[in-house]
Amino acid sequence: QVQLVESGGGLVQAGGSLRLSCTASGRTFSMYVMGWFRQAPGKQRELVAAISSGGMTNYADSVKGRFTISRDNVRNTVYLQMNSLKPEDTAVYYCRTIAPAVYWGQGTQVTVSS
């Protein structure tokens, strides 16, 4: 069992930045592929960024060049640095283990005002 706790959401103006953090319980964090997902009102939940246990990354086209996912396996934490935020980035952001098992965090609200 892995528990995930996100933090770092909030309200920011367009063009601003936020950094989300997700800290995992347990001693097996380093073996998990980790991802950040988001869900905007009325839309399906979508994958924003993912990072493998070895640090390889993948991004949704909509955030490439603006968002950076990283991880610290000593601190059991994955980060999402979000720059040049746009109103369309407004959503609840979720941390999730992708593999070898699926666990979700509770989500953190990100609101970008125009």
C-alpha atoms as a PDB file:
ATOM      1  CA  GLN A   1       0.000   0.000   0.000  1.00  0.00           C
ATOM      2  CA  VAL A   2       1.237   3.468  -0.947  1.00  0.00           C
ATOM      3  CA  GLN A   3      -0.275   6.704   0.304  1.00  0.00           C
ATOM      4  CA  LEU A   4       0.256   9.872  -1.705  1.00  0.00           C
ATOM      5  CA  VAL A   5      -0.136  13.400  -0.355  1.00  0.00           C
ATOM      6  CA  GLU A   6      -0.076  16.372  -2.716  1.00  0.00           C
ATOM      7  CA  SER A   7       0.622  19.984  -1.837  1.00  0.00           C
ATOM      8  CA  GLY A   8       1.435  23.243  -3.554  1.00  0.00           C
ATOM      9  CA  GLY A   9      -1.761  24.111  -5.361  1.00  0.00           C
ATOM     10  CA  GLY A  10      -3.374  27.514  -5.217  1.00  0.00           C
ATOM     11  CA  LEU A  11      -4.479  30.579  -7.118  1.00  0.00           C
ATOM     12  CA  VAL A  12      -2.081  32.259  -9.536  1.00  0.00           C
ATOM     13  CA  GLN A  13      -2.346  34.802 -12.324  1.00  0.00           C
ATOM     14  CA  ALA A  14      -1.775  33.805 -15.917  1.00  0.00           C
ATOM     15  CA  GLY A  15       1.930  33.712 -16.676  1.00  0.00           C
ATOM     16  CA  GLY A  16       2.794  32.765 -13.128  1.00  0.00           C
ATOM     17  CA  SER A  17       4.334  29.632 -11.662  1.00  0.00           C
ATOM     18  CA  LEU A  18       3.518  26.966  -9.099  1.00  0.00           C
ATOM     19  CA  ARG A  19       5.316  23.884  -7.892  1.00  0.00           C
ATOM     20  CA  LEU A  20       3.334  20.855  -6.836  1.00  0.00           C
ATOM     21  CA  SER A  21       4.767  18.208  -4.545  1.00  0.00           C
ATOM     22  CA  CYS A  22       3.626  14.670  -3.920  1.00  0.00           C
ATOM     23  CA  THR A  23       5.122  12.692  -1.063  1.00  0.00           C
ATOM     24  CA  ALA A  24       4.678   8.951  -0.854  1.00  0.00           C
ATOM     25  CA  SER A  25       4.648   6.645   2.114  1.00  0.00           C
ATOM     26  CA  GLY A  26       6.521   3.368   2.083  1.00  0.00           C
ATOM     27  CA  ARG A  27       9.966   2.197   1.144  1.00  0.00           C
ATOM     28  CA  THR A  28       9.308   1.247  -2.469  1.00  0.00           C
ATOM     29  CA  PHE A  29       8.777   4.700  -3.975  1.00  0.00           C
ATOM     30  CA  SER A  30      11.869   4.505  -6.162  1.00  0.00           C
ATOM     31  CA  MET A  31      10.514   1.506  -8.081  1.00  0.00           C
ATOM     32  CA  TYR A  32       7.315   3.281  -9.193  1.00  0.00           C
ATOM     33  CA  VAL A  33       6.652   5.104 -12.418  1.00  0.00           C
ATOM     34  CA  MET A  34       4.992   8.310 -11.205  1.00  0.00           C
ATOM     35  CA  GLY A  35       2.597  10.644 -12.921  1.00  0.00           C
ATOM     36  CA  TRP A  36       0.699  13.871 -12.542  1.00  0.00           C
ATOM     37  CA  PHE A  37      -2.856  13.939 -13.871  1.00  0.00           C
ATOM     38  CA  ARG A  38      -5.410  16.718 -13.936  1.00  0.00           C
ATOM     39  CA  GLN A  39      -9.152  17.052 -14.260  1.00  0.00           C
ATOM     40  CA  ALA A  40     -10.858  20.263 -15.253  1.00  0.00           C
ATOM     41  CA  PRO A  41     -14.586  20.811 -14.641  1.00  0.00           C
ATOM     42  CA  GLY A  42     -16.640  18.890 -17.168  1.00  0.00           C
ATOM     43  CA  LYS A  43     -13.603  17.180 -18.678  1.00  0.00           C
ATOM     44  CA  GLN A  44     -11.988  13.795 -18.382  1.00  0.00           C
ATOM     45  CA  ARG A  45      -8.955  13.253 -16.236  1.00  0.00           C
ATOM     46  CA  GLU A  46      -5.802  13.447 -18.339  1.00  0.00           C
ATOM     47  CA  LEU A  47      -2.141  12.600 -17.961  1.00  0.00           C
ATOM     48  CA  VAL A  48       0.010  15.721 -17.711  1.00  0.00           C
ATOM     49  CA  ALA A  49       3.477  14.276 -17.127  1.00  0.00           C
ATOM     50  CA  ALA A  50       5.153  11.039 -16.111  1.00  0.00           C
ATOM     51  CA  ILE A  51       8.571  10.030 -14.872  1.00  0.00           C
ATOM     52  CA  SER A  52      10.119   6.590 -14.715  1.00  0.00           C
ATOM     53  CA  SER A  53      12.092   5.201 -11.831  1.00  0.00           C
ATOM     54  CA  GLY A  54      15.231   6.091 -13.778  1.00  0.00           C
ATOM     55  CA  GLY A  55      14.168   9.646 -14.512  1.00  0.00           C
ATOM     56  CA  MET A  56      12.868   9.410 -18.086  1.00  0.00           C
ATOM     57  CA  THR A  57      10.039  11.869 -18.626  1.00  0.00           C
ATOM     58  CA  ASN A  58       7.008  12.257 -20.856  1.00  0.00           C
ATOM     59  CA  TYR A  59       4.635  15.203 -21.231  1.00  0.00           C
ATOM     60  CA  ALA A  60       1.279  16.016 -22.698  1.00  0.00           C
ATOM     61  CA  ASP A  61       1.628  18.247 -25.747  1.00  0.00           C
ATOM     62  CA  SER A  62      -0.333  20.991 -24.013  1.00  0.00           C
ATOM     63  CA  VAL A  63       2.316  21.428 -21.294  1.00  0.00           C
ATOM     64  CA  LYS A  64       5.567  20.689 -23.128  1.00  0.00           C
ATOM     65  CA  GLY A  65       8.099  23.431 -22.564  1.00  0.00           C
ATOM     66  CA  ARG A  66       6.144  24.854 -19.622  1.00  0.00           C
ATOM     67  CA  PHE A  67       5.939  22.038 -17.057  1.00  0.00           C
ATOM     68  CA  THR A  68       8.763  19.926 -15.617  1.00  0.00           C
ATOM     69  CA  ILE A  69       8.331  16.714 -13.671  1.00  0.00           C
ATOM     70  CA  SER A  70      11.112  15.526 -11.373  1.00  0.00           C
ATOM     71  CA  ARG A  71      11.585  13.153  -8.471  1.00  0.00           C
ATOM     72  CA  ASP A  72      13.676  12.778  -5.343  1.00  0.00           C
ATOM     73  CA  ASN A  73      13.844   9.135  -4.379  1.00  0.00           C
ATOM     74  CA  VAL A  74      15.508   9.942  -1.052  1.00  0.00           C
ATOM     75  CA  ARG A  75      12.582  12.146  -0.026  1.00  0.00           C
ATOM     76  CA  ASN A  76       9.976   9.874  -1.678  1.00  0.00           C
ATOM     77  CA  THR A  77       8.680  12.930  -3.517  1.00  0.00           C
ATOM     78  CA  VAL A  78       7.716  13.778  -7.071  1.00  0.00           C
ATOM     79  CA  TYR A  79       7.397  17.384  -8.201  1.00  0.00           C
ATOM     80  CA  LEU A  80       5.636  19.254 -10.963  1.00  0.00           C
ATOM     81  CA  GLN A  81       7.089  22.667 -11.727  1.00  0.00           C
ATOM     82  CA  MET A  82       4.527  24.650 -13.691  1.00  0.00           C
ATOM     83  CA  ASN A  83       5.619  27.821 -15.473  1.00  0.00           C
ATOM     84  CA  SER A  84       3.853  30.192 -17.860  1.00  0.00           C
ATOM     85  CA  LEU A  85       0.511  29.053 -16.492  1.00  0.00           C
ATOM     86  CA  LYS A  86      -2.616  29.614 -18.555  1.00  0.00           C
ATOM     87  CA  PRO A  87      -6.277  29.774 -17.516  1.00  0.00           C
ATOM     88  CA  GLU A  88      -6.812  26.452 -19.310  1.00  0.00           C
ATOM     89  CA  ASP A  89      -4.404  24.825 -16.830  1.00  0.00           C
ATOM     90  CA  THR A  90      -7.048  25.311 -14.134  1.00  0.00           C
ATOM     91  CA  ALA A  91      -7.895  21.881 -12.746  1.00  0.00           C
ATOM     92  CA  VAL A  92      -7.550  19.548  -9.817  1.00  0.00           C
ATOM     93  CA  TYR A  93      -4.102  17.978 -10.092  1.00  0.00           C
ATOM     94  CA  TYR A  94      -3.572  14.418  -8.911  1.00  0.00           C
ATOM     95  CA  CYS A  95      -0.446  12.472  -8.210  1.00  0.00           C
ATOM     96  CA  ARG A  96      -0.591   8.805  -9.154  1.00  0.00           C
ATOM     97  CA  THR A  97       1.629   5.785  -9.248  1.00  0.00           C
ATOM     98  CA  ILE A  98       1.477   4.397 -12.769  1.00  0.00           C
ATOM     99  CA  ALA A  99       3.333   1.114 -12.391  1.00  0.00           C
ATOM    100  CA  PRO A 100       3.712  -1.505 -11.027  1.00  0.00           C
ATOM    101  CA  ALA A 101       0.491  -0.701  -9.110  1.00  0.00           C
ATOM    102  CA  VAL A 102      -1.960   2.192  -9.152  1.00  0.00           C
ATOM    103  CA  TYR A 103      -2.473   4.537  -6.214  1.00  0.00           C
ATOM    104  CA  TRP A 104      -4.010   8.021  -6.299  1.00  0.00           C
ATOM    105  CA  GLY A 105      -3.467  11.088  -4.178  1.00  0.00           C
ATOM    106  CA  GLN A 106      -6.376  13.196  -2.983  1.00  0.00           C
ATOM    107  CA  GLY A 107      -5.731  16.029  -5.452  1.00  0.00           C
ATOM    108  CA  THR A 108      -4.825  19.675  -5.161  1.00  0.00           C
ATOM    109  CA  GLN A 109      -6.646  22.578  -6.812  1.00  0.00           C
ATOM    110  CA  VAL A 110      -4.794  24.824  -9.241  1.00  0.00           C
ATOM    111  CA  THR A 111      -6.626  27.934 -10.405  1.00  0.00           C
ATOM    112  CA  VAL A 112      -5.131  30.273 -13.005  1.00  0.00           C
ATOM    113  CA  SER A 113      -6.843  33.627 -13.374  1.00  0.00           C
ATOM    114  CA  SER A 114      -6.748  35.626 -16.594  1.00  0.00           C
END
